[in-house]
Amino acid sequence: MVLILGASFHELKLVKKALETFYGLGPQISDRILAKYSIHPRAKLGSLSQKTITALSAELSTMTIENDARKMVQDNIKRLRDMGTYRGRRHAMGLPVRGQNTRTQINTARRLNEIERRA
């Protein structure tokens, strides 16, 4: 098992996919990190040296990921709700925020916005 920023991964997992498991890191950012440390996109975690893994952990610790990114999103939604904007009210009511159809297909939006309604 390989530890990156406190999360353990199997040695056969791709480095790109392991980076993408962190909240706030998508395909583009993981590609940039791989290019910065000259890691092949199809490389597995087991093939990396301990020095590279420590460098990856140091790089990730400087970024806004996991709980910090989640808190930032929640703060942005709370700010919209406090200002009373249209988007904030839609979040508060648990309705689609980005102009989706509400006549027939609203169940998914209600399920996704459920967290914001309770907060």
PDB file of N, CA and C in Angstrom:
ATOM      1  N   MET A   1       0.826  -1.179   0.000  1.00  0.00           N
ATOM      2  CA  MET A   1       0.000   0.000   0.000  1.00  0.00           C
ATOM      3  C   MET A   1       0.877   1.251   0.000  1.00  0.00           C
ATOM      4  N   VAL A   2       0.432   2.245  -0.767  1.00  0.00           N
ATOM      5  CA  VAL A   2       1.168   3.498  -0.877  1.00  0.00           C
ATOM      6  C   VAL A   2       0.341   4.600  -0.219  1.00  0.00           C
ATOM      7  N   LEU A   3       0.975   5.372   0.639  1.00  0.00           N
ATOM      8  CA  LEU A   3       0.290   6.465   1.332  1.00  0.00           C
ATOM      9  C   LEU A   3       0.566   7.790   0.636  1.00  0.00           C
ATOM     10  N   ILE A   4      -0.508   8.466   0.255  1.00  0.00           N
ATOM     11  CA  ILE A   4      -0.388   9.815  -0.295  1.00  0.00           C
ATOM     12  C   ILE A   4      -1.342  10.695   0.486  1.00  0.00           C
ATOM     13  N   LEU A   5      -0.809  11.631   1.220  1.00  0.00           N
ATOM     14  CA  LEU A   5      -1.585  12.590   1.996  1.00  0.00           C
ATOM     15  C   LEU A   5      -2.557  11.898   2.949  1.00  0.00           C
ATOM     16  N   GLY A   6      -2.104  10.815   3.563  1.00  0.00           N
ATOM     17  CA  GLY A   6      -2.920  10.112   4.547  1.00  0.00           C
ATOM     18  C   GLY A   6      -3.884   9.094   3.974  1.00  0.00           C
ATOM     19  N   ALA A   7      -4.010   9.009   2.665  1.00  0.00           N
ATOM     20  CA  ALA A   7      -4.901   8.035   2.032  1.00  0.00           C
ATOM     21  C   ALA A   7      -4.056   6.897   1.473  1.00  0.00           C
ATOM     22  N   SER A   8      -4.471   5.662   1.735  1.00  0.00           N
ATOM     23  CA  SER A   8      -3.689   4.526   1.251  1.00  0.00           C
ATOM     24  C   SER A   8      -4.276   4.010  -0.058  1.00  0.00           C
ATOM     25  N   PHE A   9      -3.391   3.718  -1.000  1.00  0.00           N
ATOM     26  CA  PHE A   9      -3.766   3.221  -2.317  1.00  0.00           C
ATOM     27  C   PHE A   9      -3.000   1.937  -2.601  1.00  0.00           C
ATOM     28  N   HIS A  10      -3.593   1.077  -3.413  1.00  0.00           N
ATOM     29  CA  HIS A  10      -2.930  -0.155  -3.834  1.00  0.00           C
ATOM     30  C   HIS A  10      -1.828   0.187  -4.825  1.00  0.00           C
ATOM     31  N   GLU A  11      -0.775  -0.634  -4.843  1.00  0.00           N
ATOM     32  CA  GLU A  11       0.368  -0.347  -5.709  1.00  0.00           C
ATOM     33  C   GLU A  11       0.039  -0.439  -7.196  1.00  0.00           C
ATOM     34  N   LEU A  12      -1.008  -1.173  -7.554  1.00  0.00           N
ATOM     35  CA  LEU A  12      -1.349  -1.341  -8.966  1.00  0.00           C
ATOM     36  C   LEU A  12      -2.268  -0.239  -9.495  1.00  0.00           C
ATOM     37  N   LYS A  13      -2.665   0.705  -8.656  1.00  0.00           N
ATOM     38  CA  LYS A  13      -3.551   1.783  -9.084  1.00  0.00           C
ATOM     39  C   LYS A  13      -2.762   2.811  -9.896  1.00  0.00           C
ATOM     40  N   LEU A  14      -3.389   3.332 -10.935  1.00  0.00           N
ATOM     41  CA  LEU A  14      -2.747   4.359 -11.742  1.00  0.00           C
ATOM     42  C   LEU A  14      -2.582   5.635 -10.916  1.00  0.00           C
ATOM     43  N   VAL A  15      -1.471   6.327 -11.124  1.00  0.00           N
ATOM     44  CA  VAL A  15      -1.188   7.547 -10.375  1.00  0.00           C
ATOM     45  C   VAL A  15      -2.256   8.599 -10.682  1.00  0.00           C
ATOM     46  N   LYS A  16      -2.630   8.711 -11.944  1.00  0.00           N
ATOM     47  CA  LYS A  16      -3.640   9.693 -12.354  1.00  0.00           C
ATOM     48  C   LYS A  16      -4.964   9.450 -11.642  1.00  0.00           C
ATOM     49  N   LYS A  17      -5.400   8.189 -11.579  1.00  0.00           N
ATOM     50  CA  LYS A  17      -6.666   7.863 -10.922  1.00  0.00           C
ATOM     51  C   LYS A  17      -6.573   8.066  -9.412  1.00  0.00           C
ATOM     52  N   ALA A  18      -5.415   7.800  -8.840  1.00  0.00           N
ATOM     53  CA  ALA A  18      -5.236   8.014  -7.399  1.00  0.00           C
ATOM     54  C   ALA A  18      -5.336   9.497  -7.070  1.00  0.00           C
ATOM     55  N   LEU A  19      -4.776  10.346  -7.914  1.00  0.00           N
ATOM     56  CA  LEU A  19      -4.863  11.788  -7.680  1.00  0.00           C
ATOM     57  C   LEU A  19      -6.297  12.278  -7.831  1.00  0.00           C
ATOM     58  N   GLU A  20      -7.032  11.692  -8.783  1.00  0.00           N
ATOM     59  CA  GLU A  20      -8.405  12.136  -9.036  1.00  0.00           C
ATOM     60  C   GLU A  20      -9.371  11.709  -7.935  1.00  0.00           C
ATOM     61  N   THR A  21      -8.965  10.805  -7.050  1.00  0.00           N
ATOM     62  CA  THR A  21      -9.862  10.411  -5.966  1.00  0.00           C
ATOM     63  C   THR A  21      -9.990  11.508  -4.902  1.00  0.00           C
ATOM     64  N   PHE A  22      -9.047  12.439  -4.866  1.00  0.00           N
ATOM     65  CA  PHE A  22      -9.123  13.540  -3.920  1.00  0.00           C
ATOM     66  C   PHE A  22     -10.157  14.551  -4.412  1.00  0.00           C
ATOM     67  N   TYR A  23     -11.031  15.009  -3.516  1.00  0.00           N
ATOM     68  CA  TYR A  23     -12.056  15.981  -3.858  1.00  0.00           C
ATOM     69  C   TYR A  23     -11.393  17.298  -4.240  1.00  0.00           C
ATOM     70  N   GLY A  24     -11.742  17.802  -5.398  1.00  0.00           N
ATOM     71  CA  GLY A  24     -11.172  19.057  -5.857  1.00  0.00           C
ATOM     72  C   GLY A  24     -10.096  18.872  -6.910  1.00  0.00           C
ATOM     73  N   LEU A  25      -9.709  17.630  -7.190  1.00  0.00           N
ATOM     74  CA  LEU A  25      -8.723  17.357  -8.232  1.00  0.00           C
ATOM     75  C   LEU A  25      -9.405  16.611  -9.378  1.00  0.00           C
ATOM     76  N   GLY A  26      -9.380  17.214 -10.542  1.00  0.00           N
ATOM     77  CA  GLY A  26      -9.975  16.586 -11.710  1.00  0.00           C
ATOM     78  C   GLY A  26      -8.906  16.097 -12.664  1.00  0.00           C
ATOM     79  N   PRO A  27      -9.322  15.702 -13.853  1.00  0.00           N
ATOM     80  CA  PRO A  27      -8.370  15.180 -14.835  1.00  0.00           C
ATOM     81  C   PRO A  27      -7.314  16.191 -15.261  1.00  0.00           C
ATOM     82  N   GLN A  28      -7.706  17.457 -15.438  1.00  0.00           N
ATOM     83  CA  GLN A  28      -6.742  18.450 -15.911  1.00  0.00           C
ATOM     84  C   GLN A  28      -5.670  18.753 -14.869  1.00  0.00           C
ATOM     85  N   ILE A  29      -6.072  18.924 -13.638  1.00  0.00           N
ATOM     86  CA  ILE A  29      -5.100  19.240 -12.592  1.00  0.00           C
ATOM     87  C   ILE A  29      -4.179  18.046 -12.354  1.00  0.00           C
ATOM     88  N   SER A  30      -4.747  16.822 -12.390  1.00  0.00           N
ATOM     89  CA  SER A  30      -3.890  15.650 -12.200  1.00  0.00           C
ATOM     90  C   SER A  30      -2.904  15.508 -13.356  1.00  0.00           C
ATOM     91  N   ASP A  31      -3.324  15.860 -14.583  1.00  0.00           N
ATOM     92  CA  ASP A  31      -2.387  15.840 -15.720  1.00  0.00           C
ATOM     93  C   ASP A  31      -1.255  16.834 -15.522  1.00  0.00           C
ATOM     94  N   ARG A  32      -1.584  18.020 -15.010  1.00  0.00           N
ATOM     95  CA  ARG A  32      -0.546  19.030 -14.759  1.00  0.00           C
ATOM     96  C   ARG A  32       0.452  18.561 -13.705  1.00  0.00           C
ATOM     97  N   ILE A  33      -0.066  17.925 -12.663  1.00  0.00           N
ATOM     98  CA  ILE A  33       0.827  17.423 -11.605  1.00  0.00           C
ATOM     99  C   ILE A  33       1.738  16.338 -12.161  1.00  0.00           C
ATOM    100  N   LEU A  34       1.178  15.432 -12.976  1.00  0.00           N
ATOM    101  CA  LEU A  34       1.994  14.372 -13.577  1.00  0.00           C
ATOM    102  C   LEU A  34       3.066  14.965 -14.483  1.00  0.00           C
ATOM    103  N   ALA A  35       2.719  15.986 -15.254  1.00  0.00           N
ATOM    104  CA  ALA A  35       3.702  16.617 -16.138  1.00  0.00           C
ATOM    105  C   ALA A  35       4.784  17.339 -15.343  1.00  0.00           C
ATOM    106  N   LYS A  36       4.397  17.947 -14.242  1.00  0.00           N
ATOM    107  CA  LYS A  36       5.364  18.682 -13.422  1.00  0.00           C
ATOM    108  C   LYS A  36       6.431  17.757 -12.863  1.00  0.00           C
ATOM    109  N   TYR A  37       6.035  16.546 -12.467  1.00  0.00           N
ATOM    110  CA  TYR A  37       6.994  15.602 -11.889  1.00  0.00           C
ATOM    111  C   TYR A  37       7.462  14.547 -12.887  1.00  0.00           C
ATOM    112  N   SER A  38       7.183  14.747 -14.165  1.00  0.00           N
ATOM    113  CA  SER A  38       7.619  13.847 -15.261  1.00  0.00           C
ATOM    114  C   SER A  38       7.206  12.403 -15.002  1.00  0.00           C
ATOM    115  N   ILE A  39       5.925  12.213 -14.678  1.00  0.00           N
ATOM    116  CA  ILE A  39       5.381  10.873 -14.459  1.00  0.00           C
ATOM    117  C   ILE A  39       4.536  10.509 -15.664  1.00  0.00           C
ATOM    118  N   HIS A  40       4.739   9.320 -16.184  1.00  0.00           N
ATOM    119  CA  HIS A  40       3.973   8.849 -17.338  1.00  0.00           C
ATOM    120  C   HIS A  40       2.501   8.713 -16.943  1.00  0.00           C
ATOM    121  N   PRO A  41       1.569   9.081 -17.838  1.00  0.00           N
ATOM    122  CA  PRO A  41       0.143   9.007 -17.487  1.00  0.00           C
ATOM    123  C   PRO A  41      -0.350   7.595 -17.148  1.00  0.00           C
ATOM    124  N   ARG A  42       0.312   6.562 -17.662  1.00  0.00           N
ATOM    125  CA  ARG A  42      -0.110   5.189 -17.386  1.00  0.00           C
ATOM    126  C   ARG A  42       0.717   4.541 -16.274  1.00  0.00           C
ATOM    127  N   ALA A  43       1.495   5.331 -15.547  1.00  0.00           N
ATOM    128  CA  ALA A  43       2.359   4.786 -14.488  1.00  0.00           C
ATOM    129  C   ALA A  43       1.527   4.348 -13.290  1.00  0.00           C
ATOM    130  N   LYS A  44       1.977   3.293 -12.644  1.00  0.00           N
ATOM    131  CA  LYS A  44       1.298   2.785 -11.447  1.00  0.00           C
ATOM    132  C   LYS A  44       2.008   3.331 -10.208  1.00  0.00           C
ATOM    133  N   LEU A  45       1.284   3.356  -9.101  1.00  0.00           N
ATOM    134  CA  LEU A  45       1.853   3.889  -7.862  1.00  0.00           C
ATOM    135  C   LEU A  45       3.041   3.074  -7.367  1.00  0.00           C
ATOM    136  N   GLY A  46       3.026   1.777  -7.605  1.00  0.00           N
ATOM    137  CA  GLY A  46       4.108   0.925  -7.138  1.00  0.00           C
ATOM    138  C   GLY A  46       5.430   1.202  -7.826  1.00  0.00           C
ATOM    139  N   SER A  47       5.372   1.779  -9.044  1.00  0.00           N
ATOM    140  CA  SER A  47       6.607   2.036  -9.787  1.00  0.00           C
ATOM    141  C   SER A  47       7.261   3.364  -9.404  1.00  0.00           C
ATOM    142  N   LEU A  48       6.588   4.171  -8.591  1.00  0.00           N
ATOM    143  CA  LEU A  48       7.160   5.460  -8.191  1.00  0.00           C
ATOM    144  C   LEU A  48       8.151   5.290  -7.045  1.00  0.00           C
ATOM    145  N   SER A  49       9.155   6.146  -7.052  1.00  0.00           N
ATOM    146  CA  SER A  49      10.115   6.126  -5.942  1.00  0.00           C
ATOM    147  C   SER A  49       9.511   6.838  -4.737  1.00  0.00           C
ATOM    148  N   GLN A  50      10.078   6.566  -3.583  1.00  0.00           N
ATOM    149  CA  GLN A  50       9.581   7.185  -2.347  1.00  0.00           C
ATOM    150  C   GLN A  50       9.757   8.702  -2.397  1.00  0.00           C
ATOM    151  N   LYS A  51      10.805   9.160  -3.064  1.00  0.00           N
ATOM    152  CA  LYS A  51      11.058  10.592  -3.192  1.00  0.00           C
ATOM    153  C   LYS A  51       9.947  11.273  -3.998  1.00  0.00           C
ATOM    154  N   THR A  52       9.503  10.619  -5.071  1.00  0.00           N
ATOM    155  CA  THR A  52       8.430  11.163  -5.899  1.00  0.00           C
ATOM    156  C   THR A  52       7.109  11.195  -5.134  1.00  0.00           C
ATOM    157  N   ILE A  53       6.855  10.151  -4.358  1.00  0.00           N
ATOM    158  CA  ILE A  53       5.613  10.097  -3.579  1.00  0.00           C
ATOM    159  C   ILE A  53       5.592  11.206  -2.531  1.00  0.00           C
ATOM    160  N   THR A  54       6.752  11.458  -1.912  1.00  0.00           N
ATOM    161  CA  THR A  54       6.817  12.545  -0.930  1.00  0.00           C
ATOM    162  C   THR A  54       6.625  13.888  -1.619  1.00  0.00           C
ATOM    163  N   ALA A  55       7.160  14.044  -2.819  1.00  0.00           N
ATOM    164  CA  ALA A  55       6.982  15.290  -3.566  1.00  0.00           C
ATOM    165  C   ALA A  55       5.513  15.486  -3.939  1.00  0.00           C
ATOM    166  N   LEU A  56       4.846  14.394  -4.329  1.00  0.00           N
ATOM    167  CA  LEU A  56       3.412  14.480  -4.647  1.00  0.00           C
ATOM    168  C   LEU A  56       2.608  14.885  -3.409  1.00  0.00           C
ATOM    169  N   SER A  57       2.932  14.293  -2.272  1.00  0.00           N
ATOM    170  CA  SER A  57       2.227  14.641  -1.034  1.00  0.00           C
ATOM    171  C   SER A  57       2.455  16.100  -0.662  1.00  0.00           C
ATOM    172  N   ALA A  58       3.675  16.575  -0.858  1.00  0.00           N
ATOM    173  CA  ALA A  58       3.971  17.978  -0.558  1.00  0.00           C
ATOM    174  C   ALA A  58       3.208  18.908  -1.495  1.00  0.00           C
ATOM    175  N   GLU A  59       3.124  18.522  -2.752  1.00  0.00           N
ATOM    176  CA  GLU A  59       2.378  19.326  -3.734  1.00  0.00           C
ATOM    177  C   GLU A  59       0.895  19.385  -3.375  1.00  0.00           C
ATOM    178  N   LEU A  60       0.326  18.228  -2.998  1.00  0.00           N
ATOM    179  CA  LEU A  60      -1.098  18.175  -2.661  1.00  0.00           C
ATOM    180  C   LEU A  60      -1.400  18.939  -1.370  1.00  0.00           C
ATOM    181  N   SER A  61      -0.451  18.970  -0.457  1.00  0.00           N
ATOM    182  CA  SER A  61      -0.709  19.659   0.810  1.00  0.00           C
ATOM    183  C   SER A  61      -0.794  21.172   0.624  1.00  0.00           C
ATOM    184  N   THR A  62      -0.210  21.697  -0.455  1.00  0.00           N
ATOM    185  CA  THR A  62      -0.292  23.141  -0.707  1.00  0.00           C
ATOM    186  C   THR A  62      -1.579  23.519  -1.435  1.00  0.00           C
ATOM    187  N   MET A  63      -2.287  22.528  -1.990  1.00  0.00           N
ATOM    188  CA  MET A  63      -3.492  22.811  -2.774  1.00  0.00           C
ATOM    189  C   MET A  63      -4.740  22.813  -1.890  1.00  0.00           C
ATOM    190  N   THR A  64      -5.801  23.421  -2.417  1.00  0.00           N
ATOM    191  CA  THR A  64      -7.092  23.440  -1.726  1.00  0.00           C
ATOM    192  C   THR A  64      -7.888  22.223  -2.173  1.00  0.00           C
ATOM    193  N   ILE A  65      -7.831  21.152  -1.364  1.00  0.00           N
ATOM    194  CA  ILE A  65      -8.538  19.923  -1.712  1.00  0.00           C
ATOM    195  C   ILE A  65      -9.249  19.379  -0.485  1.00  0.00           C
ATOM    196  N   GLU A  66     -10.061  18.354  -0.712  1.00  0.00           N
ATOM    197  CA  GLU A  66     -10.805  17.651   0.328  1.00  0.00           C
ATOM    198  C   GLU A  66     -11.664  18.602   1.153  1.00  0.00           C
ATOM    199  N   ASN A  67     -11.503  18.644   2.459  1.00  0.00           N
ATOM    200  CA  ASN A  67     -12.396  19.404   3.341  1.00  0.00           C
ATOM    201  C   ASN A  67     -12.343  20.903   3.080  1.00  0.00           C
ATOM    202  N   ASP A  68     -11.167  21.420   2.724  1.00  0.00           N
ATOM    203  CA  ASP A  68     -11.059  22.848   2.438  1.00  0.00           C
ATOM    204  C   ASP A  68     -11.895  23.221   1.216  1.00  0.00           C
ATOM    205  N   ALA A  69     -11.847  22.388   0.172  1.00  0.00           N
ATOM    206  CA  ALA A  69     -12.620  22.658  -1.036  1.00  0.00           C
ATOM    207  C   ALA A  69     -14.112  22.522  -0.768  1.00  0.00           C
ATOM    208  N   ARG A  70     -14.493  21.510   0.012  1.00  0.00           N
ATOM    209  CA  ARG A  70     -15.910  21.350   0.358  1.00  0.00           C
ATOM    210  C   ARG A  70     -16.425  22.554   1.150  1.00  0.00           C
ATOM    211  N   LYS A  71     -15.605  23.022   2.102  1.00  0.00           N
ATOM    212  CA  LYS A  71     -16.004  24.165   2.916  1.00  0.00           C
ATOM    213  C   LYS A  71     -16.122  25.415   2.058  1.00  0.00           C
ATOM    214  N   MET A  72     -15.243  25.569   1.072  1.00  0.00           N
ATOM    215  CA  MET A  72     -15.287  26.725   0.196  1.00  0.00           C
ATOM    216  C   MET A  72     -16.592  26.740  -0.610  1.00  0.00           C
ATOM    217  N   VAL A  73     -16.999  25.577  -1.121  1.00  0.00           N
ATOM    218  CA  VAL A  73     -18.244  25.480  -1.886  1.00  0.00           C
ATOM    219  C   VAL A  73     -19.442  25.799  -0.994  1.00  0.00           C
ATOM    220  N   GLN A  74     -19.445  25.238   0.219  1.00  0.00           N
ATOM    221  CA  GLN A  74     -20.545  25.499   1.146  1.00  0.00           C
ATOM    222  C   GLN A  74     -20.603  26.979   1.530  1.00  0.00           C
ATOM    223  N   ASP A  75     -19.447  27.604   1.716  1.00  0.00           N
ATOM    224  CA  ASP A  75     -19.417  29.026   2.047  1.00  0.00           C
ATOM    225  C   ASP A  75     -19.959  29.873   0.898  1.00  0.00           C
ATOM    226  N   ASN A  76     -19.621  29.488  -0.335  1.00  0.00           N
ATOM    227  CA  ASN A  76     -20.128  30.220  -1.495  1.00  0.00           C
ATOM    228  C   ASN A  76     -21.646  30.115  -1.586  1.00  0.00           C
ATOM    229  N   ILE A  77     -22.184  28.907  -1.335  1.00  0.00           N
ATOM    230  CA  ILE A  77     -23.640  28.728  -1.372  1.00  0.00           C
ATOM    231  C   ILE A  77     -24.294  29.517  -0.244  1.00  0.00           C
ATOM    232  N   LYS A  78     -23.680  29.497   0.930  1.00  0.00           N
ATOM    233  CA  LYS A  78     -24.228  30.247   2.067  1.00  0.00           C
ATOM    234  C   LYS A  78     -24.208  31.745   1.786  1.00  0.00           C
ATOM    235  N   ARG A  79     -23.164  32.218   1.137  1.00  0.00           N
ATOM    236  CA  ARG A  79     -23.074  33.638   0.777  1.00  0.00           C
ATOM    237  C   ARG A  79     -24.204  34.020  -0.178  1.00  0.00           C
ATOM    238  N   LEU A  80     -24.470  33.149  -1.169  1.00  0.00           N
ATOM    239  CA  LEU A  80     -25.563  33.420  -2.105  1.00  0.00           C
ATOM    240  C   LEU A  80     -26.909  33.450  -1.392  1.00  0.00           C
ATOM    241  N   ARG A  81     -27.087  32.529  -0.436  1.00  0.00           N
ATOM    242  CA  ARG A  81     -28.349  32.484   0.304  1.00  0.00           C
ATOM    243  C   ARG A  81     -28.518  33.723   1.180  1.00  0.00           C
ATOM    244  N   ASP A  82     -27.438  34.161   1.830  1.00  0.00           N
ATOM    245  CA  ASP A  82     -27.519  35.323   2.704  1.00  0.00           C
ATOM    246  C   ASP A  82     -27.794  36.612   1.926  1.00  0.00           C
ATOM    247  N   MET A  83     -27.248  36.710   0.713  1.00  0.00           N
ATOM    248  CA  MET A  83     -27.491  37.899  -0.108  1.00  0.00           C
ATOM    249  C   MET A  83     -28.906  37.905  -0.675  1.00  0.00           C
ATOM    250  N   GLY A  84     -29.533  36.728  -0.726  1.00  0.00           N
ATOM    251  CA  GLY A  84     -30.892  36.642  -1.251  1.00  0.00           C
ATOM    252  C   GLY A  84     -30.953  36.634  -2.760  1.00  0.00           C
ATOM    253  N   THR A  85     -29.887  36.181  -3.414  1.00  0.00           N
ATOM    254  CA  THR A  85     -29.894  36.131  -4.868  1.00  0.00           C
ATOM    255  C   THR A  85     -30.817  35.015  -5.354  1.00  0.00           C
ATOM    256  N   TYR A  86     -31.106  35.056  -6.642  1.00  0.00           N
ATOM    257  CA  TYR A  86     -31.966  34.032  -7.243  1.00  0.00           C
ATOM    258  C   TYR A  86     -31.364  32.645  -7.043  1.00  0.00           C
ATOM    259  N   ARG A  87     -30.066  32.516  -7.311  1.00  0.00           N
ATOM    260  CA  ARG A  87     -29.399  31.222  -7.145  1.00  0.00           C
ATOM    261  C   ARG A  87     -29.441  30.763  -5.702  1.00  0.00           C
ATOM    262  N   GLY A  88     -29.258  31.692  -4.764  1.00  0.00           N
ATOM    263  CA  GLY A  88     -29.308  31.345  -3.355  1.00  0.00           C
ATOM    264  C   GLY A  88     -30.677  30.849  -2.929  1.00  0.00           C
ATOM    265  N   ARG A  89     -31.719  31.500  -3.431  1.00  0.00           N
ATOM    266  CA  ARG A  89     -33.081  31.057  -3.105  1.00  0.00           C
ATOM    267  C   ARG A  89     -33.368  29.690  -3.694  1.00  0.00           C
ATOM    268  N   ARG A  90     -32.878  29.440  -4.909  1.00  0.00           N
ATOM    269  CA  ARG A  90     -33.088  28.130  -5.536  1.00  0.00           C
ATOM    270  C   ARG A  90     -32.374  27.043  -4.731  1.00  0.00           C
ATOM    271  N   HIS A  91     -31.163  27.357  -4.252  1.00  0.00           N
ATOM    272  CA  HIS A  91     -30.455  26.400  -3.399  1.00  0.00           C
ATOM    273  C   HIS A  91     -31.247  26.129  -2.134  1.00  0.00           C
ATOM    274  N   ALA A  92     -31.785  27.184  -1.530  1.00  0.00           N
ATOM    275  CA  ALA A  92     -32.505  27.045  -0.272  1.00  0.00           C
ATOM    276  C   ALA A  92     -33.772  26.209  -0.439  1.00  0.00           C
ATOM    277  N   MET A  93     -34.425  26.339  -1.593  1.00  0.00           N
ATOM    278  CA  MET A  93     -35.662  25.589  -1.831  1.00  0.00           C
ATOM    279  C   MET A  93     -35.394  24.180  -2.353  1.00  0.00           C
ATOM    280  N   GLY A  94     -34.153  23.901  -2.703  1.00  0.00           N
ATOM    281  CA  GLY A  94     -33.827  22.578  -3.221  1.00  0.00           C
ATOM    282  C   GLY A  94     -34.251  22.389  -4.657  1.00  0.00           C
ATOM    283  N   LEU A  95     -34.325  23.467  -5.410  1.00  0.00           N
ATOM    284  CA  LEU A  95     -34.718  23.413  -6.813  1.00  0.00           C
ATOM    285  C   LEU A  95     -33.493  23.524  -7.698  1.00  0.00           C
ATOM    286  N   PRO A  96     -33.617  23.198  -8.994  1.00  0.00           N
ATOM    287  CA  PRO A  96     -32.469  23.342  -9.902  1.00  0.00           C
ATOM    288  C   PRO A  96     -31.990  24.786  -9.941  1.00  0.00           C
ATOM    289  N   VAL A  97     -30.693  24.959  -9.955  1.00  0.00           N
ATOM    290  CA  VAL A  97     -30.106  26.292  -9.841  1.00  0.00           C
ATOM    291  C   VAL A  97     -29.723  26.843 -11.201  1.00  0.00           C
ATOM    292  N   ARG A  98     -29.376  26.004 -12.141  1.00  0.00           N
ATOM    293  CA  ARG A  98     -28.805  26.468 -13.405  1.00  0.00           C
ATOM    294  C   ARG A  98     -29.783  26.429 -14.575  1.00  0.00           C
ATOM    295  N   GLY A  99     -31.065  26.627 -14.297  1.00  0.00           N
ATOM    296  CA  GLY A  99     -32.033  26.780 -15.380  1.00  0.00           C
ATOM    297  C   GLY A  99     -32.585  25.492 -15.936  1.00  0.00           C
ATOM    298  N   GLN A 100     -32.445  24.373 -15.228  1.00  0.00           N
ATOM    299  CA  GLN A 100     -32.973  23.125 -15.740  1.00  0.00           C
ATOM    300  C   GLN A 100     -34.497  23.117 -15.671  1.00  0.00           C
ATOM    301  N   ASN A 101     -35.077  22.183 -16.426  1.00  0.00           N
ATOM    302  CA  ASN A 101     -36.525  22.059 -16.481  1.00  0.00           C
ATOM    303  C   ASN A 101     -37.063  21.558 -15.144  1.00  0.00           C
ATOM    304  N   THR A 102     -38.142  22.188 -14.656  1.00  0.00           N
ATOM    305  CA  THR A 102     -38.732  21.735 -13.398  1.00  0.00           C
ATOM    306  C   THR A 102     -40.129  21.167 -13.588  1.00  0.00           C
ATOM    307  N   ARG A 103     -40.622  21.172 -14.804  1.00  0.00           N
ATOM    308  CA  ARG A 103     -41.992  20.718 -15.016  1.00  0.00           C
ATOM    309  C   ARG A 103     -42.135  19.226 -14.755  1.00  0.00           C
ATOM    310  N   THR A 104     -41.160  18.441 -15.228  1.00  0.00           N
ATOM    311  CA  THR A 104     -41.280  16.991 -15.080  1.00  0.00           C
ATOM    312  C   THR A 104     -40.127  16.372 -14.317  1.00  0.00           C
ATOM    313  N   GLN A 105     -38.932  16.849 -14.531  1.00  0.00           N
ATOM    314  CA  GLN A 105     -37.761  16.158 -13.993  1.00  0.00           C
ATOM    315  C   GLN A 105     -37.120  16.988 -12.895  1.00  0.00           C
ATOM    316  N   ILE A 106     -37.627  16.872 -11.675  1.00  0.00           N
ATOM    317  CA  ILE A 106     -37.099  17.678 -10.581  1.00  0.00           C
ATOM    318  C   ILE A 106     -36.526  16.812  -9.464  1.00  0.00           C
ATOM    319  N   ASN A 107     -36.804  15.500  -9.505  1.00  0.00           N
ATOM    320  CA  ASN A 107     -36.401  14.636  -8.399  1.00  0.00           C
ATOM    321  C   ASN A 107     -34.897  14.602  -8.197  1.00  0.00           C
ATOM    322  N   THR A 108     -34.134  14.576  -9.278  1.00  0.00           N
ATOM    323  CA  THR A 108     -32.682  14.539  -9.151  1.00  0.00           C
ATOM    324  C   THR A 108     -32.170  15.815  -8.496  1.00  0.00           C
ATOM    325  N   ALA A 109     -32.700  16.947  -8.911  1.00  0.00           N
ATOM    326  CA  ALA A 109     -32.256  18.216  -8.336  1.00  0.00           C
ATOM    327  C   ALA A 109     -32.597  18.289  -6.859  1.00  0.00           C
ATOM    328  N   ARG A 110     -33.764  17.821  -6.487  1.00  0.00           N
ATOM    329  CA  ARG A 110     -34.129  17.836  -5.065  1.00  0.00           C
ATOM    330  C   ARG A 110     -33.192  16.946  -4.266  1.00  0.00           C
ATOM    331  N   ARG A 111     -32.817  15.809  -4.835  1.00  0.00           N
ATOM    332  CA  ARG A 111     -31.925  14.898  -4.134  1.00  0.00           C
ATOM    333  C   ARG A 111     -30.529  15.506  -4.001  1.00  0.00           C
ATOM    334  N   LEU A 112     -30.057  16.186  -5.055  1.00  0.00           N
ATOM    335  CA  LEU A 112     -28.712  16.759  -5.029  1.00  0.00           C
ATOM    336  C   LEU A 112     -28.633  17.993  -4.133  1.00  0.00           C
ATOM    337  N   ASN A 113     -29.691  18.773  -4.049  1.00  0.00           N
ATOM    338  CA  ASN A 113     -29.678  19.985  -3.235  1.00  0.00           C
ATOM    339  C   ASN A 113     -30.143  19.729  -1.810  1.00  0.00           C
ATOM    340  N   GLU A 114     -30.348  18.478  -1.448  1.00  0.00           N
ATOM    341  CA  GLU A 114     -30.865  18.138  -0.125  1.00  0.00           C
ATOM    342  C   GLU A 114     -29.936  18.612   0.989  1.00  0.00           C
ATOM    343  N   ILE A 115     -28.645  18.529   0.779  1.00  0.00           N
ATOM    344  CA  ILE A 115     -27.660  18.914   1.794  1.00  0.00           C
ATOM    345  C   ILE A 115     -27.771  20.407   2.079  1.00  0.00           C
ATOM    346  N   GLU A 116     -27.905  21.229   1.023  1.00  0.00           N
ATOM    347  CA  GLU A 116     -27.952  22.654   1.208  1.00  0.00           C
ATOM    348  C   GLU A 116     -29.229  23.101   1.919  1.00  0.00           C
ATOM    349  N   ARG A 117     -30.341  22.357   1.751  1.00  0.00           N
ATOM    350  CA  ARG A 117     -31.588  22.736   2.398  1.00  0.00           C
ATOM    351  C   ARG A 117     -31.496  22.592   3.906  1.00  0.00           C
ATOM    352  N   ARG A 118     -30.766  21.574   4.373  1.00  0.00           N
ATOM    353  CA  ARG A 118     -30.654  21.353   5.814  1.00  0.00           C
ATOM    354  C   ARG A 118     -29.723  22.353   6.472  1.00  0.00           C
ATOM    355  N   ALA A 119     -28.716  22.806   5.745  1.00  0.00           N
ATOM    356  CA  ALA A 119     -27.693  23.677   6.342  1.00  0.00           C
ATOM    357  C   ALA A 119     -28.203  25.052   6.677  1.00  0.00           C
TER     358      ALA A 119
END
